[in-house]
N, C-alpha and C. Protein backbone atom coordinates (compact mmCIF):
# COMPACT_ATOMS: atom_id res chain seq x y z
N UNK A 1 28.87 9.09 43.67
CA UNK A 1 28.32 10.11 42.66
C UNK A 1 27.18 9.31 41.94
N UNK A 2 26.08 10.03 41.73
CA UNK A 2 24.86 9.43 41.08
C UNK A 2 25.05 9.98 39.48
N UNK A 3 24.36 9.02 38.71
CA UNK A 3 24.29 9.27 37.27
C UNK A 3 22.91 9.77 36.80
N UNK A 4 22.32 10.65 37.63
CA UNK A 4 21.01 11.18 37.27
C UNK A 4 21.09 12.63 36.65
N UNK A 5 20.03 13.06 36.29
CA UNK A 5 19.94 14.42 35.75
C UNK A 5 20.28 15.51 37.00
N UNK A 6 20.93 16.58 36.45
CA UNK A 6 21.24 17.62 37.34
C UNK A 6 20.21 18.70 37.37
N UNK A 7 19.41 18.72 36.27
CA UNK A 7 18.27 19.76 36.23
C UNK A 7 17.09 19.07 35.70
N UNK A 8 16.03 19.61 36.15
CA UNK A 8 14.70 19.19 35.98
C UNK A 8 14.24 19.65 34.38
N UNK A 9 13.65 18.85 33.65
CA UNK A 9 13.14 19.22 32.41
C UNK A 9 11.92 19.90 32.47
N UNK A 10 11.91 21.08 31.99
CA UNK A 10 10.72 21.91 32.12
C UNK A 10 10.01 22.40 30.74
N UNK A 11 9.81 21.24 30.02
CA UNK A 11 9.11 21.57 28.93
C UNK A 11 8.26 20.42 28.52
N UNK A 12 7.24 20.69 27.78
CA UNK A 12 6.18 19.74 27.42
C UNK A 12 6.52 19.27 26.05
N UNK A 13 6.58 17.96 25.72
CA UNK A 13 6.90 17.36 24.47
C UNK A 13 5.84 18.02 23.33
N UNK A 14 6.37 18.11 22.20
CA UNK A 14 5.41 18.83 21.16
C UNK A 14 4.07 17.83 20.92
N UNK A 15 4.45 16.51 20.79
CA UNK A 15 3.38 15.62 20.41
C UNK A 15 3.33 14.56 21.54
N UNK A 16 2.28 13.94 21.75
CA UNK A 16 2.10 12.87 22.67
C UNK A 16 2.68 11.57 21.83
N UNK A 17 2.86 10.38 22.48
CA UNK A 17 3.32 9.33 21.88
C UNK A 17 2.45 8.80 20.71
N UNK A 18 1.14 8.86 20.91
CA UNK A 18 0.19 8.61 19.77
C UNK A 18 0.22 9.47 18.75
N UNK A 19 0.29 10.82 19.00
CA UNK A 19 0.36 11.79 17.97
C UNK A 19 1.53 11.52 17.14
N UNK A 20 2.58 11.38 17.72
CA UNK A 20 3.88 11.33 16.92
C UNK A 20 3.77 9.95 16.02
N UNK A 21 3.28 8.88 16.54
CA UNK A 21 3.10 7.76 15.98
C UNK A 21 2.23 7.72 14.84
N UNK A 22 1.15 8.58 14.87
CA UNK A 22 0.23 8.92 13.68
C UNK A 22 0.80 9.63 12.67
N UNK A 23 1.92 10.53 12.90
CA UNK A 23 2.58 11.21 11.89
C UNK A 23 3.63 10.41 11.14
N UNK A 24 3.95 9.23 11.75
CA UNK A 24 5.05 8.42 11.02
C UNK A 24 4.46 7.65 9.75
N UNK A 25 5.35 7.37 8.75
CA UNK A 25 4.80 6.58 7.52
C UNK A 25 4.45 5.14 8.05
N UNK A 26 3.63 4.54 7.29
CA UNK A 26 3.01 3.21 7.50
C UNK A 26 4.22 2.20 7.80
N UNK A 27 5.19 2.11 6.96
CA UNK A 27 6.15 1.22 7.11
C UNK A 27 6.95 1.22 8.31
N UNK A 28 7.20 2.59 8.93
CA UNK A 28 7.84 2.70 10.21
C UNK A 28 6.85 2.22 11.29
N UNK A 29 5.69 2.58 11.20
CA UNK A 29 4.64 2.05 12.20
C UNK A 29 4.65 0.44 12.23
N UNK A 30 4.73 -0.10 11.31
CA UNK A 30 4.79 -1.61 11.24
C UNK A 30 6.04 -2.04 11.80
N UNK A 31 7.16 -1.46 11.71
CA UNK A 31 8.39 -1.80 12.26
C UNK A 31 8.26 -1.65 13.73
N UNK A 32 7.72 -0.61 14.25
CA UNK A 32 7.47 -0.38 15.60
C UNK A 32 6.65 -1.34 16.16
N UNK A 33 5.48 -1.70 15.58
CA UNK A 33 4.62 -2.72 16.07
C UNK A 33 5.16 -4.12 16.49
N UNK A 34 6.21 -4.38 15.46
CA UNK A 34 6.67 -5.88 15.42
C UNK A 34 7.86 -6.11 16.38
N UNK A 35 8.20 -5.01 17.15
CA UNK A 35 9.43 -5.19 17.83
C UNK A 35 9.22 -5.71 19.26
N UNK A 36 10.36 -6.06 19.98
CA UNK A 36 10.18 -6.62 21.29
C UNK A 36 10.20 -5.40 22.46
N UNK A 37 10.68 -4.43 21.96
CA UNK A 37 10.79 -3.19 22.90
C UNK A 37 9.79 -2.15 22.40
N UNK A 38 9.20 -1.42 23.37
CA UNK A 38 8.31 -0.33 22.88
C UNK A 38 9.44 0.90 22.81
N UNK A 39 9.36 1.46 21.65
CA UNK A 39 10.34 2.55 21.37
C UNK A 39 9.64 4.02 21.48
N UNK A 40 10.42 4.97 21.80
CA UNK A 40 10.02 6.30 21.97
C UNK A 40 9.57 6.85 20.51
N UNK A 41 8.28 7.14 20.27
CA UNK A 41 7.88 7.47 18.95
C UNK A 41 8.14 8.86 18.61
N UNK A 42 8.40 9.77 19.65
CA UNK A 42 8.81 11.14 19.55
C UNK A 42 10.27 11.31 18.95
N UNK A 43 11.02 10.45 19.54
CA UNK A 43 12.65 10.35 18.95
C UNK A 43 12.50 9.77 17.64
N UNK A 44 11.78 8.73 17.30
CA UNK A 44 11.74 8.13 15.93
C UNK A 44 11.30 9.23 14.93
N UNK A 45 10.21 9.91 15.27
CA UNK A 45 9.74 10.91 14.34
C UNK A 45 10.84 12.16 14.17
N UNK A 46 11.52 12.50 15.22
CA UNK A 46 12.51 13.54 15.00
C UNK A 46 13.59 12.97 14.13
N UNK A 47 14.06 11.73 14.35
CA UNK A 47 15.09 11.00 13.39
C UNK A 47 14.51 11.04 11.96
N UNK A 48 13.29 10.65 11.78
CA UNK A 48 12.62 10.45 10.39
C UNK A 48 12.67 11.82 9.82
N UNK A 49 12.22 12.79 10.49
CA UNK A 49 12.15 14.12 9.78
C UNK A 49 13.56 14.68 9.43
N UNK A 50 14.67 14.53 10.35
CA UNK A 50 15.95 14.94 9.97
C UNK A 50 16.32 14.13 8.76
N UNK A 51 16.17 12.80 8.63
CA UNK A 51 16.59 12.18 7.44
C UNK A 51 15.77 12.47 6.26
N UNK A 52 14.49 12.85 6.33
CA UNK A 52 13.72 13.24 5.30
C UNK A 52 14.23 14.57 4.66
N UNK A 53 14.80 15.41 5.54
CA UNK A 53 15.30 16.81 4.85
C UNK A 53 16.49 16.44 4.13
N UNK A 54 17.44 15.42 4.54
CA UNK A 54 18.65 15.12 3.86
C UNK A 54 18.50 14.20 2.62
N UNK A 55 17.49 13.31 2.69
CA UNK A 55 17.57 12.32 1.62
C UNK A 55 16.22 12.03 1.07
N UNK A 56 15.25 12.69 1.38
CA UNK A 56 13.91 12.56 0.82
C UNK A 56 13.01 11.54 1.61
N UNK A 57 11.80 11.49 1.27
CA UNK A 57 10.83 10.65 2.28
C UNK A 57 11.08 9.17 2.11
N UNK A 58 11.16 8.59 0.80
CA UNK A 58 11.27 7.14 0.70
C UNK A 58 12.48 6.71 1.03
N UNK A 59 13.65 7.35 0.92
CA UNK A 59 14.94 6.90 1.45
C UNK A 59 14.94 6.99 2.98
N UNK A 60 14.39 8.01 3.51
CA UNK A 60 14.45 8.24 4.97
C UNK A 60 13.48 7.14 5.57
N UNK A 61 12.37 6.74 4.97
CA UNK A 61 11.61 5.83 5.56
C UNK A 61 12.34 4.38 5.66
N UNK A 62 12.91 4.03 4.62
CA UNK A 62 13.76 2.84 4.47
C UNK A 62 14.91 2.88 5.60
N UNK A 63 15.56 4.00 5.68
CA UNK A 63 16.61 4.01 6.68
C UNK A 63 16.09 3.92 8.22
N UNK A 64 14.90 4.57 8.48
CA UNK A 64 14.40 4.45 9.82
C UNK A 64 13.91 3.11 9.99
N UNK A 65 13.35 2.34 9.11
CA UNK A 65 13.01 0.88 9.24
C UNK A 65 14.16 0.03 9.44
N UNK A 66 15.18 0.26 8.75
CA UNK A 66 16.46 -0.47 8.94
C UNK A 66 17.05 -0.22 10.36
N UNK A 67 16.97 1.01 10.82
CA UNK A 67 17.50 1.47 12.07
C UNK A 67 16.71 0.65 13.20
N UNK A 68 15.37 0.68 12.99
CA UNK A 68 14.53 -0.01 14.13
C UNK A 68 14.76 -1.49 14.11
N UNK A 69 14.98 -2.05 12.93
CA UNK A 69 15.09 -3.50 12.94
C UNK A 69 16.42 -3.89 13.45
N UNK A 70 17.40 -2.91 13.17
CA UNK A 70 18.85 -3.39 14.04
C UNK A 70 18.55 -3.29 15.33
N UNK A 71 17.96 -2.32 15.88
CA UNK A 71 17.69 -2.31 17.41
C UNK A 71 16.82 -3.48 17.81
N UNK A 72 15.93 -3.78 16.95
CA UNK A 72 15.06 -5.06 17.43
C UNK A 72 15.97 -6.29 17.52
N UNK A 73 16.80 -6.44 16.41
CA UNK A 73 17.73 -7.73 16.61
C UNK A 73 18.73 -7.55 17.82
N UNK A 74 19.17 -6.33 18.03
CA UNK A 74 20.14 -6.24 19.18
C UNK A 74 19.22 -6.58 20.51
N UNK A 75 18.04 -6.23 20.61
CA UNK A 75 17.21 -6.41 21.81
C UNK A 75 16.93 -7.99 21.83
N UNK A 76 16.80 -8.57 20.76
CA UNK A 76 16.52 -10.11 20.95
C UNK A 76 17.86 -10.73 21.22
N UNK A 77 19.01 -10.37 20.66
CA UNK A 77 20.23 -10.95 20.86
C UNK A 77 20.80 -10.78 22.27
N UNK A 78 20.47 -9.52 22.83
CA UNK A 78 21.07 -9.18 24.10
C UNK A 78 20.05 -8.36 24.92
N UNK A 79 19.01 -8.96 25.50
CA UNK A 79 17.92 -8.23 26.07
C UNK A 79 18.26 -7.46 27.27
N UNK A 80 19.35 -7.76 27.92
CA UNK A 80 19.64 -7.02 29.22
C UNK A 80 20.40 -5.72 28.79
N UNK A 81 20.78 -5.49 27.44
CA UNK A 81 21.54 -4.31 27.12
C UNK A 81 20.65 -2.98 27.36
N UNK A 82 19.44 -3.14 27.36
CA UNK A 82 18.64 -1.95 27.49
C UNK A 82 18.12 -1.74 28.89
N UNK A 83 18.56 -2.45 29.85
CA UNK A 83 18.38 -2.15 31.29
C UNK A 83 17.27 -3.13 31.95
N UNK A 84 17.10 -2.89 33.20
CA UNK A 84 16.36 -3.86 33.97
C UNK A 84 14.88 -3.35 33.87
N UNK A 85 14.58 -2.13 33.32
CA UNK A 85 13.19 -1.79 33.41
C UNK A 85 12.37 -2.30 32.39
N UNK A 86 12.91 -3.03 31.43
CA UNK A 86 12.12 -3.64 30.30
C UNK A 86 11.19 -4.74 30.83
N UNK A 87 9.87 -4.62 30.34
CA UNK A 87 8.90 -5.63 31.11
C UNK A 87 9.46 -7.18 30.77
N UNK A 88 10.04 -7.49 29.67
CA UNK A 88 10.29 -8.78 29.29
C UNK A 88 11.54 -9.25 30.11
N UNK A 89 12.43 -8.33 30.59
CA UNK A 89 13.55 -8.64 31.35
C UNK A 89 13.19 -8.93 32.74
N UNK A 90 12.30 -8.01 33.15
CA UNK A 90 11.72 -8.33 34.55
C UNK A 90 11.06 -9.54 34.68
N UNK A 91 10.32 -10.03 33.61
CA UNK A 91 9.57 -11.15 33.61
C UNK A 91 10.45 -12.45 33.31
N UNK A 92 11.70 -12.26 32.93
CA UNK A 92 12.55 -13.32 32.55
C UNK A 92 12.03 -14.08 31.24
N UNK A 93 11.55 -13.32 30.37
CA UNK A 93 10.90 -13.85 29.34
C UNK A 93 11.94 -14.27 28.19
N UNK A 94 11.52 -15.22 27.28
CA UNK A 94 12.53 -15.61 26.23
C UNK A 94 12.06 -14.86 24.93
N UNK A 95 13.01 -14.44 24.22
CA UNK A 95 12.77 -13.51 23.10
C UNK A 95 13.22 -14.46 21.91
N UNK A 96 12.37 -14.47 20.92
CA UNK A 96 12.73 -15.20 19.57
C UNK A 96 12.07 -14.65 18.47
N UNK A 97 12.70 -14.47 17.38
CA UNK A 97 12.18 -14.10 16.03
C UNK A 97 12.65 -15.00 15.07
N UNK A 98 11.59 -15.58 14.28
CA UNK A 98 11.95 -16.50 13.26
C UNK A 98 11.80 -15.78 11.80
N UNK A 99 12.69 -16.15 10.96
CA UNK A 99 12.45 -15.54 9.62
C UNK A 99 12.60 -16.67 8.55
N UNK A 100 11.93 -16.43 7.41
CA UNK A 100 11.89 -17.24 6.35
C UNK A 100 13.14 -16.95 5.52
N UNK A 101 13.35 -17.71 4.36
CA UNK A 101 14.59 -17.49 3.58
C UNK A 101 14.58 -16.23 2.96
N UNK A 102 13.37 -15.63 2.64
CA UNK A 102 13.24 -14.32 1.78
C UNK A 102 13.16 -13.21 2.92
N UNK A 103 13.53 -13.52 4.21
CA UNK A 103 13.61 -12.29 5.11
C UNK A 103 12.25 -11.98 5.71
N UNK A 104 11.13 -12.64 5.52
CA UNK A 104 9.92 -12.31 6.21
C UNK A 104 9.67 -12.97 7.48
N UNK A 105 9.08 -12.33 8.44
CA UNK A 105 8.86 -12.86 9.91
C UNK A 105 7.88 -14.08 9.58
N UNK A 106 8.26 -15.11 10.22
CA UNK A 106 7.36 -16.38 10.29
C UNK A 106 6.68 -16.34 11.57
N UNK A 107 7.48 -16.22 12.76
CA UNK A 107 6.93 -16.24 13.98
C UNK A 107 7.75 -15.45 14.97
N UNK A 108 6.94 -14.63 15.70
CA UNK A 108 7.73 -13.84 16.75
C UNK A 108 7.09 -14.26 18.11
N UNK A 109 8.17 -14.47 19.03
CA UNK A 109 7.79 -14.85 20.41
C UNK A 109 8.67 -13.98 21.37
N UNK A 110 7.88 -13.38 22.30
CA UNK A 110 8.60 -12.48 23.20
C UNK A 110 8.44 -12.88 24.64
């Protein structure tokens, strides 16, 4: 039994990846830039808009940034969790993120 789709997706996404990226707040864009893994900006935009309706723009921005950083930390801690298609997993690259005592990134190495 295969674990694939049973139906073909016959719709075009509302935004391209770059259009969705441009619609995100600056703090979320920075969090997307600094990660080890390239994330789908359409799903990030949908999550941001959902939270924005519930809690307002500033709280939604903070929550999405925290969500992205948790995913970045999980990726660095266990890079194979996201599958074999990740470029850094295929290249057997070493992932490393260094932080200062106040939580700022000192050095990122992927």
